[in-house]
Amino acid sequence: MNISPFKLERYFTKYEFTAAYSLCNSDCEAMTIAEVLALEEGAEEKFHQQWLGYTQTQGHPELRQDISVIYDGTSPEDLLVCTGAQEPIFLFCEAILQAGDEVIVQTPCYQSLKSVPQSIGCKVVEWEVSYEGSIPSFDLDVLEKMVNEHTRAIFLNTPHNPTGYHFTTVEQERIIQIARKYKVILFSDEVYRELEAEPSCRLPAMADVYEHGVSLGVMSKAYGLPGLRIGWIASRRKDLLEKVAILKEYTSMCNAAPSEFLAGVALRNRKQILARNLGIIQQNMQLYTAFFKKYTALFSWYKPIAGPITFVNMLFSQDDAAFAKHALEKQQLLLLPGEVYDYPGFFRIGLGRKGISEALEQFDIFLAKHVIEA
């Protein structure tokens, strides 16, 4: 297999666990096992009795039932539980795409959405973001012109990593109409779904509203439990799920039983977890608002209406990768440069973690010493 190195993951592998401060994480604040078990009476005792044998390839029936509650009309049989989000992305591409297929990818994006299809021999067409000032958008007229009889799939992500953009219901309906003309599969990365500032902003899951829709979910982002390594895809296309399941038997085969148990506890109590995480995001939104108001000459940023991440535009002439490296060297502060998304001049910030106040203090010191004076 000939695939490009994953630039974002390579970057985090080098720096994420050595930096003292971080402003760029894409997940919400994690919990301990004890905190998860405390969400449900009797969960701790049941966890200690958890059988450690093999689990079902499709995922435990009770876990699939717990996941199905997130959706409207998607049943446990319409779900395949996988390892994180990366495995279902990889397996979907390998199972469904063939050399010569055309795929459209909303960009900038999580790199595997481009790199895996490219490694198969697909033609990747990038549906690029456009900015008016600090406001990102995706032109649906441009998308419509891209789609043709050779288009096999469109890869979407909303709320969007890294711009923070979130489609409206009207935009989602238009995308479905565009795809339906050629029966194009819509693979919708929905790992930040349920992190909307207002419930009215929440979109229906693609698996619920489009007959060729695939929804990607994971415990890592909105629920802040990446250590469980539990993700899933949902689709009413049983043939599609079966092809992915067959390939899964060559990769992870099945999921870790303790992780499936803990994911079930978390999902049954997800409203409590989401309320906590949305509270952290709102507090950090206020911190970032005050911070960037102080530095309007240096940065412009988009306040997301959903999700815990967004892009910051650098308004001065310095390479974003060099800027991030300098911040790491001088203040042990981790920023994620736009260069890892092949989108220079920006850096990604996260709103879902605790400790943002301390990290912004270090960023303030760094800017005062090494940017403003220069």
Protein backbone atom coordinates (compact mmCIF):
# COMPACT_ATOMS: atom_id res chain seq x y z
CA MET A 1 0.00 0.00 0.00
CA ASN A 2 1.41 3.36 -1.02
CA ILE A 3 -0.07 6.11 1.15
CA SER A 4 1.18 9.53 2.19
CA PRO A 5 2.31 10.07 5.78
CA PHE A 6 -0.51 11.53 7.89
CA LYS A 7 0.83 15.05 8.46
CA LEU A 8 -1.46 15.95 11.37
CA GLU A 9 -0.86 12.69 13.23
CA ARG A 10 2.89 12.88 12.57
CA TYR A 11 2.82 16.37 14.11
CA PHE A 12 0.92 15.25 17.20
CA THR A 13 3.10 12.18 17.59
CA LYS A 14 6.12 14.46 17.86
CA TYR A 15 4.72 17.21 20.07
CA GLU A 16 1.36 16.48 21.72
CA PHE A 17 2.65 14.67 24.79
CA THR A 18 5.70 16.83 25.42
CA ALA A 19 4.22 20.34 25.14
CA ALA A 20 3.32 21.87 28.49
CA TYR A 21 0.37 23.82 27.10
CA SER A 22 -1.99 23.28 24.20
CA LEU A 23 -4.51 25.40 22.32
CA CYS A 24 -5.23 23.07 19.43
CA ASN A 25 -6.85 19.82 20.60
CA SER A 26 -9.94 18.74 18.69
CA ASP A 27 -11.62 16.66 21.39
CA CYS A 28 -13.47 17.58 24.56
CA GLU A 29 -12.07 17.15 28.06
CA ALA A 30 -11.56 13.46 28.84
CA MET A 31 -12.96 11.60 31.82
CA THR A 32 -11.55 8.87 34.04
CA ILE A 33 -12.99 5.36 34.21
CA ALA A 34 -14.23 6.15 37.72
CA GLU A 35 -16.06 9.24 36.46
CA VAL A 36 -17.76 7.29 33.69
CA LEU A 37 -18.83 4.47 36.01
CA ALA A 38 -20.19 6.99 38.51
CA LEU A 39 -22.71 8.15 35.90
CA GLU A 40 -24.84 5.02 36.34
CA GLU A 41 -25.87 3.13 39.44
CA GLY A 42 -24.45 -0.38 39.51
CA ALA A 43 -22.08 0.24 36.61
CA GLU A 44 -18.91 -0.25 38.66
CA GLU A 45 -19.92 -3.70 39.87
CA LYS A 46 -20.99 -4.75 36.37
CA PHE A 47 -17.70 -3.48 34.96
CA HIS A 48 -15.76 -5.71 37.35
CA GLN A 49 -17.80 -8.66 36.11
CA GLN A 50 -17.22 -7.85 32.44
CA TRP A 51 -16.33 -10.98 30.49
CA LEU A 52 -13.07 -10.55 28.53
CA GLY A 53 -13.75 -12.89 25.67
CA TYR A 54 -14.09 -12.02 22.00
CA THR A 55 -16.84 -9.59 21.08
CA GLN A 56 -19.08 -9.46 18.02
CA THR A 57 -17.61 -7.97 14.85
CA GLN A 58 -20.62 -5.73 14.38
CA GLY A 59 -20.46 -4.57 18.01
CA HIS A 60 -22.36 -5.69 21.09
CA PRO A 61 -26.15 -5.58 20.51
CA GLU A 62 -26.67 -3.46 23.64
CA LEU A 63 -24.03 -0.97 22.53
CA ARG A 64 -25.57 -0.72 19.07
CA GLN A 65 -28.92 -0.09 20.72
CA ASP A 66 -27.36 2.70 22.81
CA ILE A 67 -25.79 4.24 19.69
CA SER A 68 -29.03 4.01 17.71
CA VAL A 69 -30.73 6.37 20.17
CA ILE A 70 -28.62 9.20 18.73
CA TYR A 71 -30.37 8.72 15.38
CA ASP A 72 -33.94 8.97 14.09
CA GLY A 73 -34.88 5.89 12.11
CA THR A 74 -31.47 4.22 12.17
CA SER A 75 -31.72 0.85 13.89
CA PRO A 76 -29.05 -1.21 15.69
CA GLU A 77 -28.86 -3.37 12.54
CA ASP A 78 -27.84 -0.27 10.58
CA LEU A 79 -24.67 0.15 12.67
CA LEU A 80 -21.15 -1.26 12.59
CA VAL A 81 -18.96 -0.52 15.60
CA CYS A 82 -15.26 -0.01 14.84
CA THR A 83 -12.01 1.17 16.39
CA GLY A 84 -12.19 4.96 16.59
CA ALA A 85 -13.05 6.98 13.49
CA GLN A 86 -9.92 6.15 11.52
CA GLU A 87 -10.75 2.47 11.02
CA PRO A 88 -14.24 3.01 9.55
CA ILE A 89 -12.89 5.71 7.19
CA PHE A 90 -10.18 3.34 5.99
CA LEU A 91 -12.45 0.31 5.70
CA PHE A 92 -15.21 2.21 3.94
CA CYS A 93 -12.78 3.44 1.29
CA GLU A 94 -11.20 0.02 0.80
CA ALA A 95 -14.57 -1.74 0.64
CA ILE A 96 -16.48 0.66 -1.59
CA LEU A 97 -14.01 2.56 -3.78
CA GLN A 98 -12.07 1.31 -6.79
CA ALA A 99 -9.23 2.70 -8.86
CA GLY A 100 -10.61 5.24 -11.30
CA ASP A 101 -13.55 6.30 -9.13
CA GLU A 102 -13.99 10.02 -8.57
CA VAL A 103 -14.55 11.25 -5.02
CA ILE A 104 -15.24 14.78 -3.85
CA VAL A 105 -13.74 15.84 -0.53
CA GLN A 106 -14.71 18.93 1.45
CA THR A 107 -11.36 20.60 2.16
CA PRO A 108 -9.33 21.35 4.15
CA CYS A 109 -10.01 18.04 5.82
CA TYR A 110 -8.88 15.22 8.04
CA GLN A 111 -6.19 13.86 5.75
CA SER A 112 -7.34 10.24 5.56
CA LEU A 113 -10.47 11.38 3.70
CA LYS A 114 -8.14 12.27 0.81
CA SER A 115 -5.11 10.05 1.27
CA VAL A 116 -6.91 6.71 1.50
CA PRO A 117 -8.91 7.21 -1.73
CA GLN A 118 -5.74 8.44 -3.44
CA SER A 119 -3.88 5.31 -2.33
CA ILE A 120 -6.61 3.21 -3.98
CA GLY A 121 -6.20 5.09 -7.25
CA CYS A 122 -9.24 7.32 -7.04
CA LYS A 123 -9.39 10.78 -8.55
CA VAL A 124 -9.85 13.17 -5.61
CA VAL A 125 -11.63 16.45 -6.38
CA GLU A 126 -11.37 19.05 -3.62
CA TRP A 127 -14.43 21.12 -2.71
CA GLU A 128 -12.53 23.98 -1.13
CA VAL A 129 -13.59 26.41 1.57
CA SER A 130 -13.74 30.09 0.72
CA TYR A 131 -13.31 32.93 3.18
CA GLU A 132 -14.93 36.34 3.25
CA GLY A 133 -12.99 38.05 5.99
CA SER A 134 -12.99 35.55 8.83
CA ILE A 135 -16.19 33.77 7.70
CA PRO A 136 -15.78 30.38 5.96
CA SER A 137 -18.29 28.99 3.48
CA PHE A 138 -18.67 26.19 0.93
CA ASP A 139 -20.26 27.07 -2.44
CA LEU A 140 -23.00 24.58 -3.30
CA ASP A 141 -23.12 25.72 -6.91
CA VAL A 142 -19.47 24.72 -7.20
CA LEU A 143 -20.26 21.31 -5.69
CA GLU A 144 -23.09 20.73 -8.13
CA LYS A 145 -20.78 21.36 -11.09
CA MET A 146 -18.26 18.85 -9.69
CA VAL A 147 -20.68 15.93 -9.45
CA ASN A 148 -21.05 13.70 -12.51
CA GLU A 149 -21.72 10.09 -13.50
CA HIS A 150 -18.19 9.12 -12.41
CA THR A 151 -18.60 10.45 -8.86
CA ARG A 152 -18.70 7.56 -6.40
CA ALA A 153 -18.75 9.38 -3.06
CA ILE A 154 -18.72 12.82 -1.47
CA PHE A 155 -16.90 13.15 1.85
CA LEU A 156 -18.43 15.74 4.16
CA ASN A 157 -17.64 16.90 7.67
CA THR A 158 -19.99 19.05 9.74
CA PRO A 159 -19.31 20.68 12.17
CA HIS A 160 -16.17 21.05 10.08
CA ASN A 161 -12.61 20.26 11.07
CA PRO A 162 -10.68 22.59 10.96
CA THR A 163 -12.70 25.69 9.91
CA GLY A 164 -15.54 25.28 12.41
CA TYR A 165 -18.14 25.75 9.66
CA HIS A 166 -21.51 24.03 10.10
CA PHE A 167 -24.00 23.45 7.29
CA THR A 168 -27.58 24.67 7.62
CA THR A 169 -30.52 22.32 7.12
CA VAL A 170 -31.21 24.00 3.78
CA GLU A 171 -27.62 23.39 2.68
CA GLN A 172 -27.79 19.77 3.76
CA GLU A 173 -30.99 19.23 1.78
CA ARG A 174 -29.39 20.79 -1.31
CA ILE A 175 -26.34 18.52 -0.98
CA ILE A 176 -28.61 15.48 -0.82
CA GLN A 177 -30.46 16.62 -3.95
CA ILE A 178 -27.15 17.05 -5.76
CA ALA A 179 -25.95 13.57 -4.72
CA ARG A 180 -29.26 11.83 -5.42
CA LYS A 181 -29.14 12.69 -9.13
CA TYR A 182 -26.31 10.17 -9.63
CA LYS A 183 -26.95 7.99 -6.53
CA VAL A 184 -23.69 9.24 -5.04
CA ILE A 185 -22.81 8.00 -1.55
CA LEU A 186 -22.62 10.81 1.00
CA PHE A 187 -20.08 9.88 3.67
CA SER A 188 -20.76 12.35 6.49
CA ASP A 189 -18.20 12.73 9.27
CA GLU A 190 -20.43 13.66 12.22
CA VAL A 191 -17.99 13.20 15.08
CA TYR A 192 -18.90 16.64 16.50
CA ARG A 193 -22.66 16.18 16.20
CA GLU A 194 -24.54 17.08 19.42
CA LEU A 195 -22.06 19.86 20.20
CA GLU A 196 -24.26 22.63 18.79
CA ALA A 197 -24.52 25.85 20.77
CA GLU A 198 -28.28 25.81 20.08
CA PRO A 199 -30.32 22.63 19.49
CA SER A 200 -31.95 24.33 16.49
CA CYS A 201 -28.57 24.16 14.71
CA ARG A 202 -28.44 20.35 14.86
CA LEU A 203 -28.67 18.63 11.51
CA PRO A 204 -30.35 15.28 10.92
CA ALA A 205 -27.81 12.50 10.60
CA MET A 206 -27.07 11.70 6.96
CA ALA A 207 -27.87 8.02 7.55
CA ASP A 208 -31.39 9.07 8.59
CA VAL A 209 -32.24 11.37 5.71
CA TYR A 210 -30.52 9.95 2.62
CA GLU A 211 -30.88 6.43 1.25
CA HIS A 212 -27.21 6.37 0.21
CA GLY A 213 -26.01 8.20 3.33
CA VAL A 214 -23.29 7.04 5.70
CA SER A 215 -22.82 8.69 9.10
CA LEU A 216 -19.54 8.45 10.99
CA GLY A 217 -19.59 8.71 14.78
CA VAL A 218 -17.06 8.24 17.57
CA MET A 219 -16.77 8.47 21.34
CA SER A 220 -13.61 10.58 21.04
CA LYS A 221 -14.80 14.08 20.12
CA ALA A 222 -18.21 15.27 21.35
CA TYR A 223 -18.13 12.86 24.30
CA GLY A 224 -14.45 13.36 25.15
CA LEU A 225 -13.58 9.66 25.46
CA PRO A 226 -10.86 8.98 22.85
CA GLY A 227 -9.18 6.40 25.06
CA LEU A 228 -12.08 4.02 24.52
CA ARG A 229 -11.26 3.79 20.78
CA ILE A 230 -14.92 3.21 19.94
CA GLY A 231 -16.40 4.56 16.72
CA TRP A 232 -19.04 3.48 14.22
CA ILE A 233 -20.66 3.96 10.87
CA ALA A 234 -24.41 4.07 10.34
CA SER A 235 -26.18 3.42 7.06
CA ARG A 236 -29.37 1.93 5.71
CA ARG A 237 -27.26 0.38 2.96
CA LYS A 238 -26.92 -3.14 4.38
CA ASP A 239 -24.77 -4.18 1.42
CA LEU A 240 -22.31 -1.43 2.23
CA LEU A 241 -22.11 -2.32 5.93
CA GLU A 242 -21.55 -5.99 5.06
CA LYS A 243 -18.61 -5.16 2.79
CA VAL A 244 -17.03 -3.04 5.52
CA ALA A 245 -17.63 -5.75 8.15
CA ILE A 246 -15.89 -8.35 5.98
CA LEU A 247 -12.80 -6.14 5.81
CA LYS A 248 -12.96 -5.38 9.53
CA GLU A 249 -12.32 -9.07 10.14
CA TYR A 250 -8.88 -8.47 8.61
CA THR A 251 -8.09 -5.45 10.85
CA SER A 252 -9.35 -5.08 14.42
CA MET A 253 -11.79 -8.01 13.97
CA CYS A 254 -13.71 -7.00 17.08
CA ASN A 255 -13.73 -4.28 19.71
CA ALA A 256 -12.37 -4.35 23.26
CA ALA A 257 -15.08 -5.56 25.65
CA PRO A 258 -14.24 -3.05 28.44
CA SER A 259 -14.40 -0.22 25.92
CA GLU A 260 -17.77 -1.34 24.62
CA PHE A 261 -19.12 -1.52 28.17
CA LEU A 262 -17.86 1.96 29.11
CA ALA A 263 -19.09 3.45 25.83
CA GLY A 264 -22.55 2.10 26.61
CA VAL A 265 -22.56 3.71 30.05
CA ALA A 266 -21.43 7.03 28.57
CA LEU A 267 -24.02 6.98 25.79
CA ARG A 268 -26.87 6.21 28.16
CA ASN A 269 -25.78 9.27 30.11
CA ARG A 270 -24.61 11.34 27.16
CA LYS A 271 -26.82 14.34 27.89
CA GLN A 272 -24.96 14.87 31.17
CA ILE A 273 -21.60 14.54 29.41
CA LEU A 274 -22.64 16.85 26.59
CA ALA A 275 -23.90 19.50 29.01
CA ARG A 276 -20.53 19.42 30.76
CA ASN A 277 -18.60 19.67 27.51
CA LEU A 278 -20.77 22.44 26.09
CA GLY A 279 -20.19 24.36 29.33
CA ILE A 280 -16.42 24.07 28.86
CA ILE A 281 -16.74 25.22 25.24
CA GLN A 282 -18.81 28.24 26.24
CA GLN A 283 -16.31 29.26 28.93
CA ASN A 284 -13.44 28.95 26.48
CA MET A 285 -15.37 30.86 23.82
CA GLN A 286 -15.47 33.82 26.19
CA LEU A 287 -11.74 33.51 26.86
CA TYR A 288 -10.88 33.38 23.17
CA THR A 289 -13.23 36.28 22.39
CA ALA A 290 -11.45 38.51 24.89
CA PHE A 291 -8.03 37.34 23.74
CA PHE A 292 -8.54 37.91 20.03
CA LYS A 293 -10.23 41.25 20.69
CA LYS A 294 -6.87 42.29 22.13
CA TYR A 295 -5.03 41.12 19.00
CA THR A 296 -7.28 42.23 16.14
CA ALA A 297 -4.21 43.51 14.26
CA LEU A 298 -2.65 40.03 14.29
CA PHE A 299 -5.53 37.58 13.97
CA SER A 300 -9.08 37.11 12.75
CA TRP A 301 -11.09 34.10 13.82
CA TYR A 302 -14.44 32.43 13.22
CA LYS A 303 -16.65 31.76 16.24
CA PRO A 304 -18.19 28.35 15.55
CA ILE A 305 -21.86 27.73 16.26
CA ALA A 306 -21.13 24.02 16.70
CA GLY A 307 -18.16 21.85 17.56
CA PRO A 308 -15.00 22.54 19.60
CA ILE A 309 -12.55 23.73 16.91
CA THR A 310 -11.99 26.59 14.47
CA PHE A 311 -9.36 28.19 12.26
CA VAL A 312 -7.51 31.41 13.11
CA ASN A 313 -6.26 33.55 10.23
CA MET A 314 -2.80 35.08 10.67
CA LEU A 315 -2.87 38.70 9.46
CA PHE A 316 0.90 39.16 9.44
CA SER A 317 3.55 37.76 7.17
CA GLN A 318 5.03 34.74 8.89
CA ASP A 319 4.96 31.11 7.88
CA ASP A 320 2.37 29.32 10.04
CA ALA A 321 4.58 26.26 10.59
CA ALA A 322 7.51 28.43 11.68
CA PHE A 323 5.16 30.43 13.94
CA ALA A 324 3.90 27.27 15.64
CA LYS A 325 7.43 25.91 16.02
CA HIS A 326 8.56 29.17 17.59
CA ALA A 327 5.69 29.10 20.11
CA LEU A 328 6.60 25.54 21.03
CA GLU A 329 10.27 26.35 21.50
CA LYS A 330 9.78 29.54 23.49
CA GLN A 331 6.70 28.80 25.62
CA GLN A 332 6.16 25.04 25.25
CA LEU A 333 2.83 25.99 23.66
CA LEU A 334 1.28 23.67 21.08
CA LEU A 335 -0.47 25.24 18.08
CA LEU A 336 -1.57 23.30 15.01
CA PRO A 337 -0.38 25.08 11.85
CA GLY A 338 -2.57 25.17 8.75
CA GLU A 339 0.35 23.62 6.89
CA VAL A 340 -0.68 20.16 8.15
CA TYR A 341 -3.96 20.67 6.26
CA ASP A 342 -2.16 22.08 3.21
CA TYR A 343 -3.85 25.37 4.08
CA PRO A 344 -1.15 27.92 5.02
CA GLY A 345 -1.67 31.16 6.87
CA PHE A 346 -3.95 29.69 9.54
CA PHE A 347 -3.70 27.68 12.74
CA ARG A 348 -6.33 25.54 14.47
CA ILE A 349 -7.54 26.16 18.01
CA GLY A 350 -9.66 23.96 20.25
CA LEU A 351 -12.38 24.98 22.69
CA GLY A 352 -13.22 21.68 24.36
CA ARG A 353 -10.41 21.21 26.87
CA LYS A 354 -9.77 22.62 30.32
CA GLY A 355 -6.53 24.56 30.77
CA ILE A 356 -7.18 27.03 27.95
CA SER A 357 -6.82 29.99 30.31
CA GLU A 358 -3.27 28.96 31.28
CA ALA A 359 -2.37 28.26 27.66
CA LEU A 360 -3.63 31.67 26.55
CA GLU A 361 -1.48 33.29 29.23
CA GLN A 362 1.54 31.63 27.63
CA PHE A 363 0.40 32.67 24.17
CA ASP A 364 0.06 36.25 25.41
CA ILE A 365 3.62 36.18 26.74
CA PHE A 366 4.90 34.68 23.49
CA LEU A 367 3.20 37.32 21.34
CA ALA A 368 4.46 40.16 23.52
CA LYS A 369 8.05 38.93 23.46
CA HIS A 370 8.47 37.49 20.00
CA VAL A 371 5.84 38.90 17.65
CA ILE A 372 4.78 42.40 18.66
CA GLU A 373 8.31 43.58 19.47
CA ALA A 374 9.60 42.09 16.21
